[in-house]
Amino acid sequence: MSKKDKKLERMKNNPRDWKIDDLKTIAHEFEFEVRNSRTGSHVIFYHPNYPDNLTVPAKKPIKPIYVKQLIAFIERLKS
């Protein structure tokens, strides 16, 4: 199991207490593109091979629902 898969597994097991930088790191490892919104209060995750994107508020702490949504997004792209 690679490092990125282990980190993804840790996120699945405990979706609490993650920072926006952690989400950006895992997204980059799975070849997502990350951009900030115009106001800077949100981060947008998208993948060139998938039509949808995921918008996450950049406030601390990141709510578990957004971590779960990113995990589901990655899982869909892996399959």
C-alpha atoms as a PDB file:
ATOM      1  CA  MET A   1       0.000   0.000   0.000  1.00  0.00           C
ATOM      2  CA  SER A   2       1.448   3.378  -0.988  1.00  0.00           C
ATOM      3  CA  LYS A   3       1.724   6.423   1.270  1.00  0.00           C
ATOM      4  CA  LYS A   4      -1.141   8.189  -0.464  1.00  0.00           C
ATOM      5  CA  ASP A   5      -3.385   5.138  -0.030  1.00  0.00           C
ATOM      6  CA  LYS A   6      -2.475   4.935   3.654  1.00  0.00           C
ATOM      7  CA  LYS A   7      -3.295   8.610   4.150  1.00  0.00           C
ATOM      8  CA  LEU A   8      -6.594   8.143   2.326  1.00  0.00           C
ATOM      9  CA  GLU A   9      -7.360   5.188   4.589  1.00  0.00           C
ATOM     10  CA  ARG A  10      -6.621   7.318   7.690  1.00  0.00           C
ATOM     11  CA  MET A  11      -9.016   9.950   6.353  1.00  0.00           C
ATOM     12  CA  LYS A  12     -11.708   7.306   5.881  1.00  0.00           C
ATOM     13  CA  ASN A  13     -11.263   5.986   9.406  1.00  0.00           C
ATOM     14  CA  ASN A  14     -11.238   9.414  11.022  1.00  0.00           C
ATOM     15  CA  PRO A  15     -12.667  12.275   8.919  1.00  0.00           C
ATOM     16  CA  ARG A  16     -12.241  14.793  11.774  1.00  0.00           C
ATOM     17  CA  ASP A  17      -9.393  17.205  12.533  1.00  0.00           C
ATOM     18  CA  TRP A  18      -7.987  17.591   9.015  1.00  0.00           C
ATOM     19  CA  LYS A  19      -6.622  20.874   7.706  1.00  0.00           C
ATOM     20  CA  ILE A  20      -7.237  22.323   4.265  1.00  0.00           C
ATOM     21  CA  ASP A  21      -3.541  21.779   3.484  1.00  0.00           C
ATOM     22  CA  ASP A  22      -3.985  18.050   4.167  1.00  0.00           C
ATOM     23  CA  LEU A  23      -6.873  17.934   1.704  1.00  0.00           C
ATOM     24  CA  LYS A  24      -4.827  19.807  -0.885  1.00  0.00           C
ATOM     25  CA  THR A  25      -1.907  17.391  -0.441  1.00  0.00           C
ATOM     26  CA  ILE A  26      -4.003  14.268  -0.893  1.00  0.00           C
ATOM     27  CA  ALA A  27      -5.796  15.841  -3.839  1.00  0.00           C
ATOM     28  CA  HIS A  28      -2.496  16.626  -5.568  1.00  0.00           C
ATOM     29  CA  GLU A  29      -1.313  13.063  -4.959  1.00  0.00           C
ATOM     30  CA  PHE A  30      -4.367  11.769  -6.823  1.00  0.00           C
ATOM     31  CA  GLU A  31      -3.803  14.265  -9.660  1.00  0.00           C
ATOM     32  CA  PHE A  32      -6.547  16.697  -8.752  1.00  0.00           C
ATOM     33  CA  GLU A  33      -6.200  20.344  -9.544  1.00  0.00           C
ATOM     34  CA  VAL A  34      -6.807  22.771  -6.713  1.00  0.00           C
ATOM     35  CA  ARG A  35      -7.712  26.423  -6.974  1.00  0.00           C
ATOM     36  CA  ASN A  36      -8.906  29.084  -4.600  1.00  0.00           C
ATOM     37  CA  SER A  37     -12.190  30.851  -5.158  1.00  0.00           C
ATOM     38  CA  ARG A  38     -12.222  34.533  -6.014  1.00  0.00           C
ATOM     39  CA  THR A  39     -12.983  35.551  -2.439  1.00  0.00           C
ATOM     40  CA  GLY A  40     -10.414  33.158  -0.987  1.00  0.00           C
ATOM     41  CA  SER A  41     -12.858  31.663   1.485  1.00  0.00           C
ATOM     42  CA  HIS A  42     -13.250  28.373  -0.420  1.00  0.00           C
ATOM     43  CA  VAL A  43     -10.997  25.868  -2.154  1.00  0.00           C
ATOM     44  CA  ILE A  44     -12.186  24.097  -5.300  1.00  0.00           C
ATOM     45  CA  PHE A  45     -11.024  20.562  -6.117  1.00  0.00           C
ATOM     46  CA  TYR A  46     -11.495  19.231  -9.619  1.00  0.00           C
ATOM     47  CA  HIS A  47     -10.114  16.554 -11.898  1.00  0.00           C
ATOM     48  CA  PRO A  48      -9.718  16.971 -15.667  1.00  0.00           C
ATOM     49  CA  ASN A  49     -11.253  13.521 -16.324  1.00  0.00           C
ATOM     50  CA  TYR A  50     -14.366  14.142 -14.251  1.00  0.00           C
ATOM     51  CA  PRO A  51     -17.048  16.767 -14.913  1.00  0.00           C
ATOM     52  CA  ASP A  52     -17.913  17.601 -11.282  1.00  0.00           C
ATOM     53  CA  ASN A  53     -15.937  19.578  -8.760  1.00  0.00           C
ATOM     54  CA  LEU A  54     -15.929  19.863  -4.993  1.00  0.00           C
ATOM     55  CA  THR A  55     -15.975  23.201  -3.171  1.00  0.00           C
ATOM     56  CA  VAL A  56     -14.747  23.197   0.425  1.00  0.00           C
ATOM     57  CA  PRO A  57     -14.839  26.157   2.835  1.00  0.00           C
ATOM     58  CA  ALA A  58     -11.310  26.994   3.964  1.00  0.00           C
ATOM     59  CA  LYS A  59     -12.340  27.664   7.583  1.00  0.00           C
ATOM     60  CA  LYS A  60     -10.799  25.701  10.425  1.00  0.00           C
ATOM     61  CA  PRO A  61     -11.644  23.009  11.264  1.00  0.00           C
ATOM     62  CA  ILE A  62     -12.740  21.295   8.055  1.00  0.00           C
ATOM     63  CA  LYS A  63     -16.082  19.611   8.644  1.00  0.00           C
ATOM     64  CA  PRO A  64     -16.058  15.809   8.279  1.00  0.00           C
ATOM     65  CA  ILE A  65     -18.693  15.917   5.523  1.00  0.00           C
ATOM     66  CA  TYR A  66     -16.220  17.658   3.199  1.00  0.00           C
ATOM     67  CA  VAL A  67     -13.503  15.113   3.955  1.00  0.00           C
ATOM     68  CA  LYS A  68     -15.978  12.312   3.201  1.00  0.00           C
ATOM     69  CA  GLN A  69     -17.009  13.999  -0.048  1.00  0.00           C
ATOM     70  CA  LEU A  70     -13.383  14.276  -1.162  1.00  0.00           C
ATOM     71  CA  ILE A  71     -12.819  10.616  -0.318  1.00  0.00           C
ATOM     72  CA  ALA A  72     -15.897   9.620  -2.336  1.00  0.00           C
ATOM     73  CA  PHE A  73     -14.694  11.791  -5.219  1.00  0.00           C
ATOM     74  CA  ILE A  74     -11.276  10.060  -5.177  1.00  0.00           C
ATOM     75  CA  GLU A  75     -12.880   6.623  -4.925  1.00  0.00           C
ATOM     76  CA  ARG A  76     -15.058   7.296  -7.996  1.00  0.00           C
ATOM     77  CA  LEU A  77     -12.013   8.309  -9.994  1.00  0.00           C
ATOM     78  CA  LYS A  78      -9.981   5.302  -8.858  1.00  0.00           C
ATOM     79  CA  SER A  79     -12.604   2.859 -10.097  1.00  0.00           C
END
